[in-house]
């Protein structure tokens, strides 16, 4: 593929905060941008040159993308793969590919892909029909997680299963849809590796990030990850191998479990990731700059850190319960960086922004970031 250079138009399916940052990066580089999202108030729509308020498979919107864009990418894993294939059939560059997105947006397809290519995952069984429930119940010998195959993120579509007798009711509770029943494994660490990859196979990985979740939602990310160097190196190698096997183009997030010193792949995100937000403030190239570079076939940017350590904490809508938080303390701190996504309606569990702290050690930035967040008040 030839490089796509400004002032070409970059199209984006999805208008959330990930798309917002990617389109800001594209516009700063000189590209024109179009976003498709059905929400008139989508954060990315406010920074794009044009916001097409339409469904992701709307024929008129897809025709506009085909006519005006040099490349179309995505900011989340759930745009219809059929829409991406439609765009590609018309000759448009689509990155990541519809096939890669189709794998990452379905847990059954994702687990099958990973195991077929020799990547270790937690033990699991697939449930698609009532007969599968009985077989899966006989398989349960320790606590498990039941996860919907599609549309599950930030803890949604997941139910903890402690006993075999709970499975049938839990499957009905998630709507009887195709699902994966996954054994819970003891966790030493949760990590993520973000890999930029171009169509011709050039790769660049960001430093391994250590993640902490609360109720299934990412709460804290710390970099560099506090793991043995051998584990960090193995995580980077694993992430790059997954990206190569998937023939991925763009930025791929590979979420990993460390259990008894071994690495397991948890999930793939075919886009920049919440755990990579620290790159906006502490990396020579942000994950969003890298996304634009990768899908446009440009040279990948340096992934070197510009600070010894960084911590990112999410700001969920719960913190708006008493009104707009008082940001004065955060903004007065020279080590802190505040990011708000421009979402008008805070809701419990909704990601409204994040806070990044830079410093000299992982322990220090974690403590500092958590303390700053706790001091937020009206």
Protein backbone atom coordinates (compact mmCIF):
# COMPACT_ATOMS: atom_id res chain seq x y z
CA UNK A 1 0.00 0.00 0.00
CA UNK A 2 1.23 3.49 -0.84
CA UNK A 3 1.46 5.99 1.99
CA UNK A 4 -1.63 8.13 2.52
CA UNK A 5 -0.52 11.68 3.22
CA UNK A 6 -2.27 14.95 4.07
CA UNK A 7 -4.56 16.53 3.03
CA UNK A 8 -6.27 13.18 2.37
CA UNK A 9 -9.38 12.38 4.39
CA UNK A 10 -9.36 9.83 7.22
CA UNK A 11 -12.72 8.27 8.05
CA UNK A 12 -13.64 6.90 11.47
CA UNK A 13 -16.42 4.52 12.46
CA UNK A 14 -17.28 5.34 16.05
CA UNK A 15 -17.40 8.65 17.84
CA UNK A 16 -16.25 7.99 21.40
CA UNK A 17 -13.23 9.38 23.20
CA UNK A 18 -10.83 7.01 21.44
CA UNK A 19 -12.03 8.34 18.10
CA UNK A 20 -11.83 11.88 19.43
CA UNK A 21 -8.14 11.57 20.26
CA UNK A 22 -7.33 9.76 17.01
CA UNK A 23 -9.05 12.43 14.92
CA UNK A 24 -7.30 15.20 16.84
CA UNK A 25 -4.01 13.47 16.01
CA UNK A 26 -5.01 13.20 12.34
CA UNK A 27 -6.05 16.84 12.12
CA UNK A 28 -2.82 18.02 13.74
CA UNK A 29 -0.96 16.07 11.06
CA UNK A 30 -2.96 17.85 8.36
CA UNK A 31 -5.57 15.27 7.42
CA UNK A 32 -9.23 16.02 6.87
CA UNK A 33 -11.52 13.85 9.01
CA UNK A 34 -15.02 12.38 8.87
CA UNK A 35 -16.66 10.43 11.69
CA UNK A 36 -19.77 8.24 11.52
CA UNK A 37 -21.68 7.83 14.78
CA UNK A 38 -25.42 7.77 15.49
CA UNK A 39 -25.07 9.99 18.57
CA UNK A 40 -25.30 13.69 17.67
CA UNK A 41 -23.27 14.51 20.80
CA UNK A 42 -20.50 11.95 20.15
CA UNK A 43 -17.18 13.32 21.47
CA UNK A 44 -15.34 12.66 18.20
CA UNK A 45 -18.00 14.49 16.23
CA UNK A 46 -17.01 17.73 17.93
CA UNK A 47 -13.45 17.61 16.60
CA UNK A 48 -13.99 16.07 13.16
CA UNK A 49 -14.30 18.17 10.04
CA UNK A 50 -17.59 16.41 9.44
CA UNK A 51 -19.86 14.25 11.61
CA UNK A 52 -22.28 11.96 9.78
CA UNK A 53 -25.01 11.23 12.31
CA UNK A 54 -25.98 7.78 11.10
CA UNK A 55 -25.85 4.08 11.91
CA UNK A 56 -22.55 2.38 11.18
CA UNK A 57 -24.11 0.40 8.33
CA UNK A 58 -26.13 3.29 6.88
CA UNK A 59 -25.81 3.07 3.09
CA UNK A 60 -25.72 6.83 2.55
CA UNK A 61 -23.03 7.32 5.18
CA UNK A 62 -20.94 4.47 3.78
CA UNK A 63 -21.27 5.95 0.30
CA UNK A 64 -19.94 9.27 1.61
CA UNK A 65 -16.97 7.55 3.21
CA UNK A 66 -16.25 5.69 -0.02
CA UNK A 67 -16.41 8.89 -2.04
CA UNK A 68 -14.43 11.18 0.26
CA UNK A 69 -11.96 9.08 2.27
CA UNK A 70 -8.56 7.61 1.48
CA UNK A 71 -8.71 5.27 4.49
CA UNK A 72 -11.32 4.28 7.07
CA UNK A 73 -10.49 2.99 10.53
CA UNK A 74 -12.45 2.26 13.71
CA UNK A 75 -12.37 3.42 17.31
CA UNK A 76 -14.20 0.47 18.86
CA UNK A 77 -14.57 -3.23 18.17
CA UNK A 78 -18.24 -3.43 17.29
CA UNK A 79 -18.84 -1.73 13.94
CA UNK A 80 -20.48 -4.29 11.62
CA UNK A 81 -17.76 -6.26 9.85
CA UNK A 82 -20.13 -6.38 6.87
CA UNK A 83 -19.99 -2.57 6.62
CA UNK A 84 -16.19 -2.69 6.61
CA UNK A 85 -16.24 -5.34 3.88
CA UNK A 86 -18.62 -3.19 1.85
CA UNK A 87 -16.20 -0.27 2.05
CA UNK A 88 -13.25 -2.45 1.06
CA UNK A 89 -15.10 -3.95 -1.91
CA UNK A 90 -15.46 -0.43 -3.22
CA UNK A 91 -11.69 -0.05 -3.27
CA UNK A 92 -11.29 1.92 -0.04
CA UNK A 93 -8.41 1.14 2.32
CA UNK A 94 -9.92 -0.27 5.52
CA UNK A 95 -7.60 -0.69 8.51
CA UNK A 96 -7.77 -2.79 10.56
CA UNK A 97 -9.22 -5.34 8.14
CA UNK A 98 -12.80 -6.56 8.45
CA UNK A 99 -11.44 -10.03 9.23
CA UNK A 100 -9.34 -8.75 12.13
CA UNK A 101 -12.27 -6.78 13.55
CA UNK A 102 -14.56 -9.81 13.16
CA UNK A 103 -12.17 -11.88 15.28
CA UNK A 104 -11.81 -9.28 18.02
CA UNK A 105 -15.51 -8.45 18.29
CA UNK A 106 -16.58 -12.02 19.04
CA UNK A 107 -15.11 -13.87 22.01
CA UNK A 108 -15.75 -17.27 20.46
CA UNK A 109 -13.95 -16.32 17.25
CA UNK A 110 -11.21 -14.64 19.27
CA UNK A 111 -10.55 -17.65 21.52
CA UNK A 112 -10.58 -19.97 18.50
CA UNK A 113 -8.12 -17.76 16.63
CA UNK A 114 -5.76 -17.55 19.60
CA UNK A 115 -5.76 -21.27 20.36
CA UNK A 116 -5.42 -22.22 16.69
CA UNK A 117 -2.32 -20.02 16.48
CA UNK A 118 -0.77 -21.43 19.64
CA UNK A 119 -1.42 -18.54 22.02
CA UNK A 120 -2.34 -19.63 25.55
CA UNK A 121 -5.71 -18.58 27.01
CA UNK A 122 -7.58 -19.49 30.18
CA UNK A 123 -9.47 -22.81 29.89
CA UNK A 124 -12.92 -22.27 28.39
CA UNK A 125 -15.94 -23.88 26.78
CA UNK A 126 -18.42 -22.40 24.32
CA UNK A 127 -22.15 -22.21 25.03
CA UNK A 128 -24.49 -21.64 22.08
CA UNK A 129 -27.49 -23.85 22.89
CA UNK A 130 -29.28 -25.33 25.93
CA UNK A 131 -27.53 -28.66 25.34
CA UNK A 132 -24.18 -26.89 25.74
CA UNK A 133 -25.23 -25.67 29.20
CA UNK A 134 -25.50 -29.21 30.57
CA UNK A 135 -22.10 -30.18 29.17
CA UNK A 136 -20.52 -26.98 30.48
CA UNK A 137 -22.01 -27.50 33.94
CA UNK A 138 -20.26 -30.87 34.14
CA UNK A 139 -17.01 -29.09 33.21
CA UNK A 140 -17.19 -26.60 36.11
CA UNK A 141 -14.90 -27.55 38.97
CA UNK A 142 -13.92 -24.09 40.17
CA UNK A 143 -15.23 -20.50 39.88
CA UNK A 144 -15.78 -19.32 36.30
CA UNK A 145 -16.89 -16.28 34.36
CA UNK A 146 -19.70 -16.46 31.83
CA UNK A 147 -19.10 -13.88 29.09
CA UNK A 148 -21.34 -13.02 26.17
CA UNK A 149 -19.60 -13.64 22.85
CA UNK A 150 -20.41 -10.15 21.62
CA UNK A 151 -20.96 -6.64 22.96
CA UNK A 152 -19.25 -7.19 26.30
CA UNK A 153 -16.83 -4.55 27.57
CA UNK A 154 -16.07 -2.78 30.84
CA UNK A 155 -17.58 -5.65 32.80
CA UNK A 156 -20.82 -5.73 30.77
CA UNK A 157 -22.12 -9.09 29.62
CA UNK A 158 -20.20 -10.98 32.32
CA UNK A 159 -21.48 -13.05 35.23
CA UNK A 160 -19.49 -14.84 37.92
CA UNK A 161 -20.32 -18.54 38.27
CA UNK A 162 -19.39 -20.23 41.54
CA UNK A 163 -21.31 -23.53 41.25
CA UNK A 164 -22.51 -25.66 38.35
CA UNK A 165 -26.11 -25.27 39.45
CA UNK A 166 -25.88 -21.51 38.81
CA UNK A 167 -25.00 -21.84 35.12
CA UNK A 168 -28.42 -22.36 33.53
CA UNK A 169 -29.93 -19.38 35.35
CA UNK A 170 -26.93 -17.21 34.54
CA UNK A 171 -27.13 -18.09 30.84
CA UNK A 172 -30.81 -17.17 30.80
CA UNK A 173 -29.96 -13.92 32.59
CA UNK A 174 -27.63 -12.86 29.76
CA UNK A 175 -30.38 -13.59 27.24
CA UNK A 176 -29.42 -17.10 26.20
CA UNK A 177 -27.00 -15.67 23.64
CA UNK A 178 -23.77 -17.37 22.51
CA UNK A 179 -21.24 -17.15 25.31
CA UNK A 180 -17.89 -18.31 26.60
CA UNK A 181 -17.55 -19.96 30.00
CA UNK A 182 -14.03 -19.27 31.20
CA UNK A 183 -12.27 -20.62 34.28
CA UNK A 184 -11.05 -17.94 36.64
CA UNK A 185 -7.31 -18.14 37.03
CA UNK A 186 -5.20 -16.83 39.93
CA UNK A 187 -3.81 -13.46 38.89
CA UNK A 188 -0.31 -12.25 39.65
CA UNK A 189 -0.75 -9.24 37.36
CA UNK A 190 -2.96 -7.89 34.59
CA UNK A 191 -0.95 -6.39 31.75
CA UNK A 192 -1.55 -4.89 28.34
CA UNK A 193 0.69 -4.52 25.33
CA UNK A 194 -0.14 -1.99 22.62
CA UNK A 195 1.34 -2.79 19.23
CA UNK A 196 1.38 -0.56 16.16
CA UNK A 197 1.62 -2.46 12.87
CA UNK A 198 1.58 -1.32 9.24
CA UNK A 199 0.25 -3.23 6.24
CA UNK A 200 3.80 -4.17 5.21
CA UNK A 201 4.53 -5.70 8.62
CA UNK A 202 6.48 -2.99 10.43
CA UNK A 203 5.93 -3.21 14.19
CA UNK A 204 6.43 -0.97 17.21
CA UNK A 205 5.35 -1.85 20.75
CA UNK A 206 4.73 0.52 23.63
CA UNK A 207 6.13 -0.26 27.09
CA UNK A 208 4.15 -2.91 28.94
CA UNK A 209 1.39 -1.45 31.11
CA UNK A 210 0.23 -2.82 34.47
CA UNK A 211 -3.56 -2.59 34.93
CA UNK A 212 -5.97 -2.76 37.86
CA UNK A 213 -9.73 -3.18 37.41
CA UNK A 214 -12.69 -2.49 39.68
CA UNK A 215 -15.94 -4.31 38.88
CA UNK A 216 -14.66 -5.13 35.42
CA UNK A 217 -13.77 -1.53 34.53
CA UNK A 218 -10.19 -0.35 34.21
CA UNK A 219 -9.41 1.83 37.21
CA UNK A 220 -5.63 2.34 37.18
CA UNK A 221 -2.79 1.84 34.72
CA UNK A 222 0.86 2.12 35.71
CA UNK A 223 3.91 2.11 33.47
CA UNK A 224 6.47 0.68 33.52
CA UNK A 225 4.77 -2.47 34.72
CA UNK A 226 6.16 -3.80 37.98
CA UNK A 227 7.00 -7.25 36.69
CA UNK A 228 10.21 -9.16 36.10
CA UNK A 229 12.01 -7.98 32.94
CA UNK A 230 11.70 -11.48 31.50
CA UNK A 231 7.91 -11.31 31.79
CA UNK A 232 7.82 -7.84 30.25
CA UNK A 233 9.95 -8.99 27.31
CA UNK A 234 7.78 -12.08 26.84
CA UNK A 235 4.65 -9.92 26.93
CA UNK A 236 5.99 -7.66 24.17
CA UNK A 237 6.96 -10.66 22.05
CA UNK A 238 3.54 -12.21 22.59
CA UNK A 239 1.77 -8.98 21.62
CA UNK A 240 3.77 -8.55 18.43
CA UNK A 241 3.24 -12.19 17.50
CA UNK A 242 -0.52 -11.85 17.94
CA UNK A 243 -0.55 -8.71 15.77
CA UNK A 244 1.45 -10.47 13.07
CA UNK A 245 -0.75 -13.59 13.14
CA UNK A 246 -3.85 -11.40 12.81
CA UNK A 247 -2.18 -9.43 9.99
CA UNK A 248 -3.34 -6.42 11.94
CA UNK A 249 -3.02 -2.85 10.65
CA UNK A 250 -3.35 -0.06 13.21
CA UNK A 251 -2.88 -0.17 16.98
CA UNK A 252 -3.83 -3.45 18.63
CA UNK A 253 -4.23 -3.83 22.40
CA UNK A 254 -3.44 -7.29 23.75
CA UNK A 255 -4.71 -7.76 27.30
CA UNK A 256 -2.79 -10.36 29.28
CA UNK A 257 -3.02 -12.28 32.54
CA UNK A 258 0.09 -13.29 34.44
CA UNK A 259 -0.76 -16.44 36.38
CA UNK A 260 1.90 -18.45 38.23
CA UNK A 261 4.48 -16.65 36.12
CA UNK A 262 2.87 -17.66 32.81
CA UNK A 263 1.23 -15.33 30.28
CA UNK A 264 -2.31 -15.90 29.04
CA UNK A 265 -4.11 -13.77 26.47
CA UNK A 266 -7.31 -12.39 27.95
CA UNK A 267 -8.79 -10.23 25.19
CA UNK A 268 -7.88 -8.29 22.07
CA UNK A 269 -9.00 -4.74 21.30
CA UNK A 270 -8.58 -3.80 17.61
CA UNK A 271 -7.93 -0.13 18.35
CA UNK A 272 -6.19 2.19 20.81
CA UNK A 273 -7.04 1.28 24.38
CA UNK A 274 -7.94 2.90 27.68
CA UNK A 275 -4.77 1.45 29.21
CA UNK A 276 -2.70 3.37 26.65
CA UNK A 277 -4.00 6.84 27.53
CA UNK A 278 -0.80 7.57 29.42
CA UNK A 279 0.98 7.74 26.04
CA UNK A 280 -0.67 11.12 25.45
CA UNK A 281 1.50 12.64 28.16
CA UNK A 282 4.48 10.35 28.67
CA UNK A 283 5.51 8.96 25.30
CA UNK A 284 7.29 10.35 22.27
CA UNK A 285 4.40 9.13 20.11
CA UNK A 286 0.91 8.68 21.53
CA UNK A 287 -1.10 5.58 20.72
CA UNK A 288 -3.42 7.82 18.68
CA UNK A 289 -0.61 9.31 16.59
CA UNK A 290 0.56 5.75 16.03
CA UNK A 291 -2.92 4.67 14.92
CA UNK A 292 -2.96 7.35 12.23
CA UNK A 293 0.59 6.55 11.17
CA UNK A 294 -0.10 2.82 10.95
CA UNK A 295 -3.35 2.94 8.99
CA UNK A 296 -1.89 5.53 6.60
CA UNK A 297 1.23 3.46 5.97
CA UNK A 298 3.63 6.03 7.41
CA UNK A 299 6.77 5.43 9.46
CA UNK A 300 5.84 4.35 12.97
CA UNK A 301 6.81 6.80 15.68
CA UNK A 302 9.15 6.23 18.61
CA UNK A 303 7.51 4.53 21.58
CA UNK A 304 10.13 5.72 24.07
CA UNK A 305 8.81 7.15 27.32
CA UNK A 306 9.45 10.83 28.00
CA UNK A 307 9.16 10.40 31.79
CA UNK A 308 10.50 7.64 34.05
CA UNK A 309 7.00 6.57 35.11
CA UNK A 310 3.32 7.40 34.59
CA UNK A 311 0.01 6.43 36.15
CA UNK A 312 -3.44 6.91 34.67
CA UNK A 313 -6.68 6.77 36.67
CA UNK A 314 -10.11 6.76 35.10
CA UNK A 315 -12.72 9.36 36.04
CA UNK A 316 -16.12 7.70 35.98
CA UNK A 317 -19.49 9.39 36.07
CA UNK A 318 -19.93 8.43 39.72
CA UNK A 319 -17.66 11.36 40.63
CA UNK A 320 -20.24 13.79 39.20
CA UNK A 321 -22.90 12.63 41.68
CA UNK A 322 -22.66 15.92 43.60
CA UNK A 323 -22.17 18.07 40.51
CA UNK A 324 -19.08 19.00 38.53
CA UNK A 325 -15.93 17.98 40.44
CA UNK A 326 -13.56 20.73 41.53
CA UNK A 327 -10.62 20.43 39.16
CA UNK A 328 -8.56 23.20 40.76
CA UNK A 329 -6.33 20.87 42.76
CA UNK A 330 -5.53 18.69 39.76
CA UNK A 331 -4.80 21.64 37.50
CA UNK A 332 -2.55 23.23 40.13
CA UNK A 333 -0.34 20.13 40.25
CA UNK A 334 2.56 20.34 37.75
CA UNK A 335 2.89 16.55 37.63
CA UNK A 336 -0.75 15.98 36.69
CA UNK A 337 -2.54 16.07 33.33
CA UNK A 338 -6.34 16.25 33.20
CA UNK A 339 -8.32 14.91 30.23
CA UNK A 340 -12.09 15.33 29.97
CA UNK A 341 -13.95 13.78 27.05
CA UNK A 342 -16.72 16.32 26.53
CA UNK A 343 -19.56 13.96 27.44
CA UNK A 344 -22.61 15.90 28.53
CA UNK A 345 -24.31 13.25 30.66
CA UNK A 346 -22.33 11.60 33.47
CA UNK A 347 -23.60 8.18 34.52
CA UNK A 348 -22.26 5.68 37.05
CA UNK A 349 -19.61 3.58 35.33
CA UNK A 350 -19.36 5.88 32.30
CA UNK A 351 -15.85 7.02 31.42
CA UNK A 352 -15.92 10.80 31.55
CA UNK A 353 -12.20 11.45 31.51
CA UNK A 354 -8.89 10.42 32.98
CA UNK A 355 -6.04 11.83 35.00
CA UNK A 356 -2.37 11.10 34.33
CA UNK A 357 0.50 11.73 36.74
CA UNK A 358 4.17 11.70 35.74
CA UNK A 359 7.02 11.00 38.13
CA UNK A 360 10.18 9.13 38.97
CA UNK A 361 8.84 5.70 39.96
CA UNK A 362 5.82 3.51 39.40
CA UNK A 363 5.01 3.39 43.10
CA UNK A 364 5.18 7.17 43.45
CA UNK A 365 2.94 7.95 40.46
CA UNK A 366 0.35 5.40 41.52
CA UNK A 367 0.11 6.88 45.01
CA UNK A 368 0.03 10.43 43.64
CA UNK A 369 -2.67 9.76 41.03
CA UNK A 370 -4.96 7.93 43.42
CA UNK A 371 -4.60 10.68 46.03
CA UNK A 372 -5.39 13.43 43.52
CA UNK A 373 -8.52 11.61 42.40
CA UNK A 374 -9.68 11.09 45.94
CA UNK A 375 -9.39 14.80 46.70
CA UNK A 376 -11.83 15.74 43.96
CA UNK A 377 -14.92 17.39 45.41
CA UNK A 378 -17.34 20.17 44.73
